[in-house]
Amino acid sequence: MIDIPYAIGAIAAMAVVTFGLRALPFLAARFLQSHPLVQKLGRFLPLAIMTLLLLHTLVGSARQNPTGPWAEGLAVVVVVALQWWKKHPLLSILAGTTLYVLLRNWSP
């Protein structure tokens, strides 16, 4: 059986490490915000991540659908058109997601 002081010490050590790892990004953000590399990554990464997610969806998931990539392609076209027209990201994402789910689940 494990000794009580040992168990309390192990739990306390895990709590300190967990808290430290979660607090570190907030403490480091103050120092990193003015760094040129971090600013460049902040401008570039969101677009790169969204592009990779889009490609993964269109290429990876579309192959698994026996009816083809039509649901994915139409949802992307709706998102792009709504974003260009209304310039409201939440509306574009919700409309595209809803259309995609409807086409994927209720298509023959």
PDB file of N, CA and C in Angstrom:
ATOM      1  N   MET A   1       0.842  -1.180   0.000  1.00  0.00           N
ATOM      2  CA  MET A   1       0.000   0.000   0.000  1.00  0.00           C
ATOM      3  C   MET A   1       0.887   1.245   0.000  1.00  0.00           C
ATOM      4  N   ILE A   2       0.415   2.296  -0.637  1.00  0.00           N
ATOM      5  CA  ILE A   2       1.180   3.525  -0.748  1.00  0.00           C
ATOM      6  C   ILE A   2       1.014   4.344   0.523  1.00  0.00           C
ATOM      7  N   ASP A   3       2.125   4.924   0.958  1.00  0.00           N
ATOM      8  CA  ASP A   3       2.062   5.793   2.138  1.00  0.00           C
ATOM      9  C   ASP A   3       1.281   7.062   1.804  1.00  0.00           C
ATOM     10  N   ILE A   4       0.554   7.563   2.794  1.00  0.00           N
ATOM     11  CA  ILE A   4      -0.251   8.783   2.612  1.00  0.00           C
ATOM     12  C   ILE A   4       0.635   9.987   2.268  1.00  0.00           C
ATOM     13  N   PRO A   5       1.741  10.246   2.976  1.00  0.00           N
ATOM     14  CA  PRO A   5       2.571  11.401   2.612  1.00  0.00           C
ATOM     15  C   PRO A   5       3.141  11.298   1.190  1.00  0.00           C
ATOM     16  N   TYR A   6       3.489  10.087   0.760  1.00  0.00           N
ATOM     17  CA  TYR A   6       4.003   9.891  -0.591  1.00  0.00           C
ATOM     18  C   TYR A   6       2.931  10.223  -1.626  1.00  0.00           C
ATOM     19  N   ALA A   7       1.715   9.750  -1.415  1.00  0.00           N
ATOM     20  CA  ALA A   7       0.611  10.005  -2.343  1.00  0.00           C
ATOM     21  C   ALA A   7       0.295  11.499  -2.407  1.00  0.00           C
ATOM     22  N   ILE A   8       0.274  12.170  -1.260  1.00  0.00           N
ATOM     23  CA  ILE A   8      -0.004  13.613  -1.232  1.00  0.00           C
ATOM     24  C   ILE A   8       1.107  14.367  -1.956  1.00  0.00           C
ATOM     25  N   GLY A   9       2.353  13.959  -1.742  1.00  0.00           N
ATOM     26  CA  GLY A   9       3.478  14.597  -2.427  1.00  0.00           C
ATOM     27  C   GLY A   9       3.419  14.401  -3.926  1.00  0.00           C
ATOM     28  N   ALA A  10       3.058  13.197  -4.373  1.00  0.00           N
ATOM     29  CA  ALA A  10       2.959  12.921  -5.811  1.00  0.00           C
ATOM     30  C   ALA A  10       1.834  13.740  -6.446  1.00  0.00           C
ATOM     31  N   ILE A  11       0.694  13.819  -5.773  1.00  0.00           N
ATOM     32  CA  ILE A  11      -0.431  14.611  -6.294  1.00  0.00           C
ATOM     33  C   ILE A  11      -0.068  16.090  -6.330  1.00  0.00           C
ATOM     34  N   ALA A  12       0.611  16.571  -5.283  1.00  0.00           N
ATOM     35  CA  ALA A  12       1.022  17.976  -5.258  1.00  0.00           C
ATOM     36  C   ALA A  12       2.010  18.279  -6.387  1.00  0.00           C
ATOM     37  N   ALA A  13       2.956  17.376  -6.632  1.00  0.00           N
ATOM     38  CA  ALA A  13       3.918  17.582  -7.715  1.00  0.00           C
ATOM     39  C   ALA A  13       3.212  17.613  -9.066  1.00  0.00           C
ATOM     40  N   MET A  14       2.257  16.713  -9.275  1.00  0.00           N
ATOM     41  CA  MET A  14       1.500  16.708 -10.533  1.00  0.00           C
ATOM     42  C   MET A  14       0.691  17.990 -10.688  1.00  0.00           C
ATOM     43  N   ALA A  15       0.115  18.485  -9.597  1.00  0.00           N
ATOM     44  CA  ALA A  15      -0.678  19.714  -9.658  1.00  0.00           C
ATOM     45  C   ALA A  15       0.196  20.909 -10.010  1.00  0.00           C
ATOM     46  N   VAL A  16       1.398  20.975  -9.417  1.00  0.00           N
ATOM     47  CA  VAL A  16       2.307  22.097  -9.701  1.00  0.00           C
ATOM     48  C   VAL A  16       2.757  22.060 -11.164  1.00  0.00           C
ATOM     49  N   VAL A  17       3.101  20.886 -11.661  1.00  0.00           N
ATOM     50  CA  VAL A  17       3.539  20.769 -13.048  1.00  0.00           C
ATOM     51  C   VAL A  17       2.397  21.113 -14.004  1.00  0.00           C
ATOM     52  N   THR A  18       1.193  20.612 -13.731  1.00  0.00           N
ATOM     53  CA  THR A  18       0.041  20.902 -14.590  1.00  0.00           C
ATOM     54  C   THR A  18      -0.262  22.393 -14.599  1.00  0.00           C
ATOM     55  N   PHE A  19      -0.280  23.014 -13.435  1.00  0.00           N
ATOM     56  CA  PHE A  19      -0.558  24.448 -13.362  1.00  0.00           C
ATOM     57  C   PHE A  19       0.527  25.248 -14.086  1.00  0.00           C
ATOM     58  N   GLY A  20       1.771  24.856 -13.901  1.00  0.00           N
ATOM     59  CA  GLY A  20       2.875  25.553 -14.563  1.00  0.00           C
ATOM     60  C   GLY A  20       2.789  25.468 -16.079  1.00  0.00           C
ATOM     61  N   LEU A  21       2.472  24.279 -16.594  1.00  0.00           N
ATOM     62  CA  LEU A  21       2.366  24.120 -18.043  1.00  0.00           C
ATOM     63  C   LEU A  21       1.191  24.904 -18.622  1.00  0.00           C
ATOM     64  N   ARG A  22       0.128  25.028 -17.865  1.00  0.00           N
ATOM     65  CA  ARG A  22      -1.030  25.796 -18.352  1.00  0.00           C
ATOM     66  C   ARG A  22      -0.812  27.296 -18.213  1.00  0.00           C
ATOM     67  N   ALA A  23      -0.029  27.720 -17.248  1.00  0.00           N
ATOM     68  CA  ALA A  23       0.210  29.154 -17.041  1.00  0.00           C
ATOM     69  C   ALA A  23       1.343  29.687 -17.922  1.00  0.00           C
ATOM     70  N   LEU A  24       2.237  28.820 -18.352  1.00  0.00           N
ATOM     71  CA  LEU A  24       3.396  29.252 -19.121  1.00  0.00           C
ATOM     72  C   LEU A  24       3.048  30.040 -20.388  1.00  0.00           C
ATOM     73  N   PRO A  25       2.097  29.610 -21.209  1.00  0.00           N
ATOM     74  CA  PRO A  25       1.788  30.404 -22.411  1.00  0.00           C
ATOM     75  C   PRO A  25       1.325  31.830 -22.091  1.00  0.00           C
ATOM     76  N   PHE A  26       0.568  31.992 -21.011  1.00  0.00           N
ATOM     77  CA  PHE A  26       0.099  33.323 -20.646  1.00  0.00           C
ATOM     78  C   PHE A  26       1.233  34.201 -20.140  1.00  0.00           C
ATOM     79  N   LEU A  27       2.160  33.607 -19.423  1.00  0.00           N
ATOM     80  CA  LEU A  27       3.311  34.371 -18.933  1.00  0.00           C
ATOM     81  C   LEU A  27       4.273  34.718 -20.065  1.00  0.00           C
ATOM     82  N   ALA A  28       4.456  33.793 -20.996  1.00  0.00           N
ATOM     83  CA  ALA A  28       5.391  34.020 -22.097  1.00  0.00           C
ATOM     84  C   ALA A  28       4.809  34.938 -23.169  1.00  0.00           C
ATOM     85  N   ALA A  29       3.492  35.045 -23.247  1.00  0.00           N
ATOM     86  CA  ALA A  29       2.861  35.860 -24.289  1.00  0.00           C
ATOM     87  C   ALA A  29       3.279  37.316 -24.173  1.00  0.00           C
ATOM     88  N   ARG A  30       3.435  37.785 -22.977  1.00  0.00           N
ATOM     89  CA  ARG A  30       3.821  39.178 -22.768  1.00  0.00           C
ATOM     90  C   ARG A  30       5.176  39.479 -23.414  1.00  0.00           C
ATOM     91  N   PHE A  31       6.087  38.525 -23.361  1.00  0.00           N
ATOM     92  CA  PHE A  31       7.426  38.737 -23.897  1.00  0.00           C
ATOM     93  C   PHE A  31       7.503  38.440 -25.396  1.00  0.00           C
ATOM     94  N   LEU A  32       6.644  37.552 -25.876  1.00  0.00           N
ATOM     95  CA  LEU A  32       6.736  37.114 -27.269  1.00  0.00           C
ATOM     96  C   LEU A  32       5.923  37.965 -28.238  1.00  0.00           C
ATOM     97  N   GLN A  33       4.982  38.759 -27.759  1.00  0.00           N
ATOM     98  CA  GLN A  33       4.109  39.523 -28.657  1.00  0.00           C
ATOM     99  C   GLN A  33       4.869  40.489 -29.548  1.00  0.00           C
ATOM    100  N   SER A  34       5.955  41.023 -29.070  1.00  0.00           N
ATOM    101  CA  SER A  34       6.694  42.003 -29.868  1.00  0.00           C
ATOM    102  C   SER A  34       7.793  41.369 -30.735  1.00  0.00           C
ATOM    103  N   HIS A  35       7.973  40.080 -30.642  1.00  0.00           N
ATOM    104  CA  HIS A  35       9.005  39.413 -31.426  1.00  0.00           C
ATOM    105  C   HIS A  35       8.559  39.332 -32.889  1.00  0.00           C
ATOM    106  N   PRO A  36       9.431  39.697 -33.849  1.00  0.00           N
ATOM    107  CA  PRO A  36       9.033  39.717 -35.271  1.00  0.00           C
ATOM    108  C   PRO A  36       8.610  38.348 -35.816  1.00  0.00           C
ATOM    109  N   LEU A  37       9.273  37.292 -35.389  1.00  0.00           N
ATOM    110  CA  LEU A  37       8.928  35.959 -35.876  1.00  0.00           C
ATOM    111  C   LEU A  37       7.522  35.571 -35.424  1.00  0.00           C
ATOM    112  N   VAL A  38       7.186  35.863 -34.189  1.00  0.00           N
ATOM    113  CA  VAL A  38       5.861  35.535 -33.670  1.00  0.00           C
ATOM    114  C   VAL A  38       4.797  36.346 -34.400  1.00  0.00           C
ATOM    115  N   GLN A  39       5.080  37.596 -34.709  1.00  0.00           N
ATOM    116  CA  GLN A  39       4.120  38.421 -35.446  1.00  0.00           C
ATOM    117  C   GLN A  39       3.920  37.885 -36.861  1.00  0.00           C
ATOM    118  N   LYS A  40       5.004  37.455 -37.499  1.00  0.00           N
ATOM    119  CA  LYS A  40       4.896  36.901 -38.849  1.00  0.00           C
ATOM    120  C   LYS A  40       4.090  35.600 -38.837  1.00  0.00           C
ATOM    121  N   LEU A  41       4.352  34.736 -37.861  1.00  0.00           N
ATOM    122  CA  LEU A  41       3.602  33.488 -37.747  1.00  0.00           C
ATOM    123  C   LEU A  41       2.127  33.756 -37.452  1.00  0.00           C
ATOM    124  N   GLY A  42       1.846  34.790 -36.675  1.00  0.00           N
ATOM    125  CA  GLY A  42       0.470  35.138 -36.359  1.00  0.00           C
ATOM    126  C   GLY A  42      -0.321  35.579 -37.575  1.00  0.00           C
ATOM    127  N   ARG A  43       0.347  36.148 -38.540  1.00  0.00           N
ATOM    128  CA  ARG A  43      -0.327  36.550 -39.775  1.00  0.00           C
ATOM    129  C   ARG A  43      -0.439  35.392 -40.763  1.00  0.00           C
ATOM    130  N   PHE A  44       0.509  34.475 -40.753  1.00  0.00           N
ATOM    131  CA  PHE A  44       0.576  33.426 -41.755  1.00  0.00           C
ATOM    132  C   PHE A  44      -0.161  32.142 -41.346  1.00  0.00           C
ATOM    133  N   LEU A  45      -0.054  31.734 -40.088  1.00  0.00           N
ATOM    134  CA  LEU A  45      -0.568  30.430 -39.673  1.00  0.00           C
ATOM    135  C   LEU A  45      -2.080  30.261 -39.788  1.00  0.00           C
ATOM    136  N   PRO A  46      -2.906  31.249 -39.438  1.00  0.00           N
ATOM    137  CA  PRO A  46      -4.356  30.995 -39.580  1.00  0.00           C
ATOM    138  C   PRO A  46      -4.756  30.613 -41.004  1.00  0.00           C
ATOM    139  N   LEU A  47      -4.226  31.301 -41.995  1.00  0.00           N
ATOM    140  CA  LEU A  47      -4.538  30.968 -43.387  1.00  0.00           C
ATOM    141  C   LEU A  47      -3.990  29.586 -43.749  1.00  0.00           C
ATOM    142  N   ALA A  48      -2.790  29.284 -43.316  1.00  0.00           N
ATOM    143  CA  ALA A  48      -2.192  27.979 -43.621  1.00  0.00           C
ATOM    144  C   ALA A  48      -2.984  26.846 -42.971  1.00  0.00           C
ATOM    145  N   ILE A  49      -3.422  27.032 -41.741  1.00  0.00           N
ATOM    146  CA  ILE A  49      -4.181  25.990 -41.048  1.00  0.00           C
ATOM    147  C   ILE A  49      -5.529  25.776 -41.723  1.00  0.00           C
ATOM    148  N   MET A  50      -6.213  26.853 -42.074  1.00  0.00           N
ATOM    149  CA  MET A  50      -7.502  26.713 -42.752  1.00  0.00           C
ATOM    150  C   MET A  50      -7.339  26.055 -44.127  1.00  0.00           C
ATOM    151  N   THR A  51      -6.265  26.375 -44.834  1.00  0.00           N
ATOM    152  CA  THR A  51      -6.020  25.748 -46.130  1.00  0.00           C
ATOM    153  C   THR A  51      -5.788  24.249 -45.976  1.00  0.00           C
ATOM    154  N   LEU A  52      -4.993  23.862 -44.988  1.00  0.00           N
ATOM    155  CA  LEU A  52      -4.749  22.439 -44.757  1.00  0.00           C
ATOM    156  C   LEU A  52      -6.025  21.706 -44.358  1.00  0.00           C
ATOM    157  N   LEU A  53      -6.864  22.322 -43.525  1.00  0.00           N
ATOM    158  CA  LEU A  53      -8.129  21.688 -43.149  1.00  0.00           C
ATOM    159  C   LEU A  53      -9.043  21.525 -44.363  1.00  0.00           C
ATOM    160  N   LEU A  54      -9.072  22.536 -45.201  1.00  0.00           N
ATOM    161  CA  LEU A  54      -9.902  22.469 -46.403  1.00  0.00           C
ATOM    162  C   LEU A  54      -9.413  21.362 -47.340  1.00  0.00           C
ATOM    163  N   LEU A  55      -8.113  21.290 -47.561  1.00  0.00           N
ATOM    164  CA  LEU A  55      -7.564  20.250 -48.435  1.00  0.00           C
ATOM    165  C   LEU A  55      -7.795  18.857 -47.865  1.00  0.00           C
ATOM    166  N   HIS A  56      -7.643  18.721 -46.555  1.00  0.00           N
ATOM    167  CA  HIS A  56      -7.880  17.421 -45.924  1.00  0.00           C
ATOM    168  C   HIS A  56      -9.334  16.995 -46.114  1.00  0.00           C
ATOM    169  N   THR A  57     -10.241  17.933 -45.968  1.00  0.00           N
ATOM    170  CA  THR A  57     -11.655  17.606 -46.133  1.00  0.00           C
ATOM    171  C   THR A  57     -11.974  17.258 -47.572  1.00  0.00           C
ATOM    172  N   LEU A  58     -11.498  18.081 -48.496  1.00  0.00           N
ATOM    173  CA  LEU A  58     -11.837  17.846 -49.897  1.00  0.00           C
ATOM    174  C   LEU A  58     -11.184  16.588 -50.463  1.00  0.00           C
ATOM    175  N   VAL A  59      -9.959  16.324 -50.068  1.00  0.00           N
ATOM    176  CA  VAL A  59      -9.246  15.180 -50.644  1.00  0.00           C
ATOM    177  C   VAL A  59      -9.469  13.916 -49.820  1.00  0.00           C
ATOM    178  N   GLY A  60      -9.332  14.032 -48.511  1.00  0.00           N
ATOM    179  CA  GLY A  60      -9.410  12.842 -47.663  1.00  0.00           C
ATOM    180  C   GLY A  60     -10.813  12.324 -47.476  1.00  0.00           C
ATOM    181  N   SER A  61     -11.703  13.148 -46.996  1.00  0.00           N
ATOM    182  CA  SER A  61     -13.059  12.695 -46.697  1.00  0.00           C
ATOM    183  C   SER A  61     -13.880  12.457 -47.940  1.00  0.00           C
ATOM    184  N   ALA A  62     -13.624  13.197 -48.988  1.00  0.00           N
ATOM    185  CA  ALA A  62     -14.420  13.057 -50.210  1.00  0.00           C
ATOM    186  C   ALA A  62     -14.211  11.700 -50.858  1.00  0.00           C
ATOM    187  N   ARG A  63     -13.048  11.121 -50.699  1.00  0.00           N
ATOM    188  CA  ARG A  63     -12.781   9.808 -51.297  1.00  0.00           C
ATOM    189  C   ARG A  63     -13.607   8.709 -50.640  1.00  0.00           C
ATOM    190  N   GLN A  64     -13.964   8.911 -49.390  1.00  0.00           N
ATOM    191  CA  GLN A  64     -14.712   7.888 -48.657  1.00  0.00           C
ATOM    192  C   GLN A  64     -16.201   7.905 -48.995  1.00  0.00           C
ATOM    193  N   ASN A  65     -16.683   8.982 -49.560  1.00  0.00           N
ATOM    194  CA  ASN A  65     -18.090   9.112 -49.884  1.00  0.00           C
ATOM    195  C   ASN A  65     -18.354   8.472 -51.249  1.00  0.00           C
ATOM    196  N   PRO A  66     -19.255   7.503 -51.325  1.00  0.00           N
ATOM    197  CA  PRO A  66     -19.495   6.832 -52.600  1.00  0.00           C
ATOM    198  C   PRO A  66     -20.141   7.728 -53.654  1.00  0.00           C
ATOM    199  N   THR A  67     -20.810   8.798 -53.238  1.00  0.00           N
ATOM    200  CA  THR A  67     -21.445   9.684 -54.221  1.00  0.00           C
ATOM    201  C   THR A  67     -20.478  10.724 -54.762  1.00  0.00           C
ATOM    202  N   GLY A  68     -19.276  10.770 -54.254  1.00  0.00           N
ATOM    203  CA  GLY A  68     -18.283  11.712 -54.751  1.00  0.00           C
ATOM    204  C   GLY A  68     -18.138  12.932 -53.856  1.00  0.00           C
ATOM    205  N   PRO A  69     -17.327  13.878 -54.305  1.00  0.00           N
ATOM    206  CA  PRO A  69     -17.015  15.043 -53.477  1.00  0.00           C
ATOM    207  C   PRO A  69     -18.012  16.198 -53.634  1.00  0.00           C
ATOM    208  N   TRP A  70     -19.231  15.911 -54.092  1.00  0.00           N
ATOM    209  CA  TRP A  70     -20.173  16.995 -54.384  1.00  0.00           C
ATOM    210  C   TRP A  70     -20.617  17.733 -53.127  1.00  0.00           C
ATOM    211  N   ALA A  71     -20.836  17.036 -52.041  1.00  0.00           N
ATOM    212  CA  ALA A  71     -21.277  17.693 -50.807  1.00  0.00           C
ATOM    213  C   ALA A  71     -20.200  18.651 -50.299  1.00  0.00           C
ATOM    214  N   GLU A  72     -18.963  18.196 -50.313  1.00  0.00           N
ATOM    215  CA  GLU A  72     -17.867  19.035 -49.847  1.00  0.00           C
ATOM    216  C   GLU A  72     -17.679  20.245 -50.747  1.00  0.00           C
ATOM    217  N   GLY A  73     -17.680  19.998 -52.058  1.00  0.00           N
ATOM    218  CA  GLY A  73     -17.464  21.093 -53.007  1.00  0.00           C
ATOM    219  C   GLY A  73     -18.557  22.141 -52.940  1.00  0.00           C
ATOM    220  N   LEU A  74     -19.809  21.707 -52.855  1.00  0.00           N
ATOM    221  CA  LEU A  74     -20.915  22.657 -52.774  1.00  0.00           C
ATOM    222  C   LEU A  74     -20.875  23.454 -51.474  1.00  0.00           C
ATOM    223  N   ALA A  75     -20.533  22.791 -50.370  1.00  0.00           N
ATOM    224  CA  ALA A  75     -20.429  23.494 -49.089  1.00  0.00           C
ATOM    225  C   ALA A  75     -19.318  24.545 -49.131  1.00  0.00           C
ATOM    226  N   VAL A  76     -18.204  24.220 -49.753  1.00  0.00           N
ATOM    227  CA  VAL A  76     -17.113  25.184 -49.879  1.00  0.00           C
ATOM    228  C   VAL A  76     -17.535  26.371 -50.733  1.00  0.00           C
ATOM    229  N   VAL A  77     -18.223  26.115 -51.820  1.00  0.00           N
ATOM    230  CA  VAL A  77     -18.690  27.202 -52.682  1.00  0.00           C
ATOM    231  C   VAL A  77     -19.654  28.109 -51.923  1.00  0.00           C
ATOM    232  N   VAL A  78     -20.553  27.521 -51.134  1.00  0.00           N
ATOM    233  CA  VAL A  78     -21.492  28.329 -50.344  1.00  0.00           C
ATOM    234  C   VAL A  78     -20.754  29.169 -49.318  1.00  0.00           C
ATOM    235  N   VAL A  79     -19.766  28.596 -48.636  1.00  0.00           N
ATOM    236  CA  VAL A  79     -19.005  29.351 -47.637  1.00  0.00           C
ATOM    237  C   VAL A  79     -18.265  30.512 -48.293  1.00  0.00           C
ATOM    238  N   VAL A  80     -17.603  30.255 -49.395  1.00  0.00           N
ATOM    239  CA  VAL A  80     -16.850  31.309 -50.084  1.00  0.00           C
ATOM    240  C   VAL A  80     -17.788  32.402 -50.584  1.00  0.00           C
ATOM    241  N   ALA A  81     -18.915  32.006 -51.170  1.00  0.00           N
ATOM    242  CA  ALA A  81     -19.858  33.003 -51.695  1.00  0.00           C
ATOM    243  C   ALA A  81     -20.458  33.846 -50.572  1.00  0.00           C
ATOM    244  N   LEU A  82     -20.870  33.199 -49.496  1.00  0.00           N
ATOM    245  CA  LEU A  82     -21.438  33.961 -48.382  1.00  0.00           C
ATOM    246  C   LEU A  82     -20.405  34.873 -47.742  1.00  0.00           C
ATOM    247  N   GLN A  83     -19.193  34.399 -47.609  1.00  0.00           N
ATOM    248  CA  GLN A  83     -18.156  35.229 -47.000  1.00  0.00           C
ATOM    249  C   GLN A  83     -17.841  36.426 -47.893  1.00  0.00           C
ATOM    250  N   TRP A  84     -17.807  36.215 -49.186  1.00  0.00           N
ATOM    251  CA  TRP A  84     -17.534  37.315 -50.119  1.00  0.00           C
ATOM    252  C   TRP A  84     -18.677  38.319 -50.117  1.00  0.00           C
ATOM    253  N   TRP A  85     -19.927  37.801 -50.025  1.00  0.00           N
ATOM    254  CA  TRP A  85     -21.097  38.663 -50.107  1.00  0.00           C
ATOM    255  C   TRP A  85     -21.383  39.372 -48.785  1.00  0.00           C
ATOM    256  N   LYS A  86     -21.485  38.618 -47.680  1.00  0.00           N
ATOM    257  CA  LYS A  86     -21.893  39.186 -46.389  1.00  0.00           C
ATOM    258  C   LYS A  86     -20.721  39.582 -45.490  1.00  0.00           C
ATOM    259  N   LYS A  87     -19.568  38.975 -45.696  1.00  0.00           N
ATOM    260  CA  LYS A  87     -18.385  39.218 -44.863  1.00  0.00           C
ATOM    261  C   LYS A  87     -18.690  38.980 -43.379  1.00  0.00           C
ATOM    262  N   HIS A  88     -19.369  37.868 -43.124  1.00  0.00           N
ATOM    263  CA  HIS A  88     -19.737  37.488 -41.758  1.00  0.00           C
ATOM    264  C   HIS A  88     -19.311  36.031 -41.562  1.00  0.00           C
ATOM    265  N   PRO A  89     -18.144  35.798 -40.937  1.00  0.00           N
ATOM    266  CA  PRO A  89     -17.589  34.439 -40.861  1.00  0.00           C
ATOM    267  C   PRO A  89     -18.504  33.424 -40.186  1.00  0.00           C
ATOM    268  N   LEU A  90     -19.174  33.826 -39.110  1.00  0.00           N
ATOM    269  CA  LEU A  90     -20.019  32.866 -38.402  1.00  0.00           C
ATOM    270  C   LEU A  90     -21.170  32.399 -39.292  1.00  0.00           C
ATOM    271  N   LEU A  91     -21.796  33.322 -40.002  1.00  0.00           N
ATOM    272  CA  LEU A  91     -22.875  32.959 -40.921  1.00  0.00           C
ATOM    273  C   LEU A  91     -22.358  32.028 -42.016  1.00  0.00           C
ATOM    274  N   SER A  92     -21.209  32.342 -42.583  1.00  0.00           N
ATOM    275  CA  SER A  92     -20.640  31.514 -43.651  1.00  0.00           C
ATOM    276  C   SER A  92     -20.341  30.106 -43.165  1.00  0.00           C
ATOM    277  N   ILE A  93     -19.715  29.999 -42.008  1.00  0.00           N
ATOM    278  CA  ILE A  93     -19.337  28.683 -41.481  1.00  0.00           C
ATOM    279  C   ILE A  93     -20.574  27.869 -41.125  1.00  0.00           C
ATOM    280  N   LEU A  94     -21.539  28.492 -40.460  1.00  0.00           N
ATOM    281  CA  LEU A  94     -22.754  27.765 -40.084  1.00  0.00           C
ATOM    282  C   LEU A  94     -23.546  27.314 -41.312  1.00  0.00           C
ATOM    283  N   ALA A  95     -23.675  28.179 -42.301  1.00  0.00           N
ATOM    284  CA  ALA A  95     -24.410  27.802 -43.516  1.00  0.00           C
ATOM    285  C   ALA A  95     -23.698  26.667 -44.252  1.00  0.00           C
ATOM    286  N   GLY A  96     -22.384  26.766 -44.393  1.00  0.00           N
ATOM    287  CA  GLY A  96     -21.631  25.713 -45.071  1.00  0.00           C
ATOM    288  C   GLY A  96     -21.675  24.397 -44.327  1.00  0.00           C
ATOM    289  N   THR A  97     -21.552  24.455 -43.008  1.00  0.00           N
ATOM    290  CA  THR A  97     -21.603  23.234 -42.206  1.00  0.00           C
ATOM    291  C   THR A  97     -22.981  22.590 -42.275  1.00  0.00           C
ATOM    292  N   THR A  98     -24.023  23.412 -42.175  1.00  0.00           N
ATOM    293  CA  THR A  98     -25.387  22.882 -42.245  1.00  0.00           C
ATOM    294  C   THR A  98     -25.644  22.233 -43.605  1.00  0.00           C
ATOM    295  N   LEU A  99     -25.262  22.905 -44.669  1.00  0.00           N
ATOM    296  CA  LEU A  99     -25.447  22.342 -46.006  1.00  0.00           C
ATOM    297  C   LEU A  99     -24.670  21.038 -46.166  1.00  0.00           C
ATOM    298  N   TYR A 100     -23.442  21.007 -45.677  1.00  0.00           N
ATOM    299  CA  TYR A 100     -22.614  19.801 -45.782  1.00  0.00           C
ATOM    300  C   TYR A 100     -23.260  18.629 -45.047  1.00  0.00           C
ATOM    301  N   VAL A 101     -23.730  18.882 -43.820  1.00  0.00           N
ATOM    302  CA  VAL A 101     -24.339  17.810 -43.030  1.00  0.00           C
ATOM    303  C   VAL A 101     -25.621  17.323 -43.709  1.00  0.00           C
ATOM    304  N   LEU A 102     -26.420  18.251 -44.213  1.00  0.00           N
ATOM    305  CA  LEU A 102     -27.650  17.849 -44.906  1.00  0.00           C
ATOM    306  C   LEU A 102     -27.349  17.016 -46.153  1.00  0.00           C
ATOM    307  N   LEU A 103     -26.400  17.468 -46.944  1.00  0.00           N
ATOM    308  CA  LEU A 103     -26.074  16.725 -48.174  1.00  0.00           C
ATOM    309  C   LEU A 103     -25.441  15.375 -47.877  1.00  0.00           C
ATOM    310  N   ARG A 104     -24.618  15.295 -46.863  1.00  0.00           N
ATOM    311  CA  ARG A 104     -23.949  14.027 -46.535  1.00  0.00           C
ATOM    312  C   ARG A 104     -24.911  13.000 -45.960  1.00  0.00           C
ATOM    313  N   ASN A 105     -25.862  13.481 -45.153  1.00  0.00           N
ATOM    314  CA  ASN A 105     -26.745  12.531 -44.450  1.00  0.00           C
ATOM    315  C   ASN A 105     -27.997  12.179 -45.237  1.00  0.00           C
ATOM    316  N   TRP A 106     -28.465  13.058 -46.092  1.00  0.00           N
ATOM    317  CA  TRP A 106     -29.712  12.803 -46.779  1.00  0.00           C
ATOM    318  C   TRP A 106     -29.582  12.695 -48.285  1.00  0.00           C
ATOM    319  N   SER A 107     -28.370  12.462 -48.767  1.00  0.00           N
ATOM    320  CA  SER A 107     -28.208  12.239 -50.196  1.00  0.00           C
ATOM    321  C   SER A 107     -28.322  10.735 -50.468  1.00  0.00           C
ATOM    322  N   PRO A 108     -28.747  10.352 -51.668  1.00  0.00           N
ATOM    323  CA  PRO A 108     -28.963   8.920 -51.983  1.00  0.00           C
ATOM    324  C   PRO A 108     -27.706   8.103 -51.971  1.00  0.00           C
TER     325      PRO A 108
END
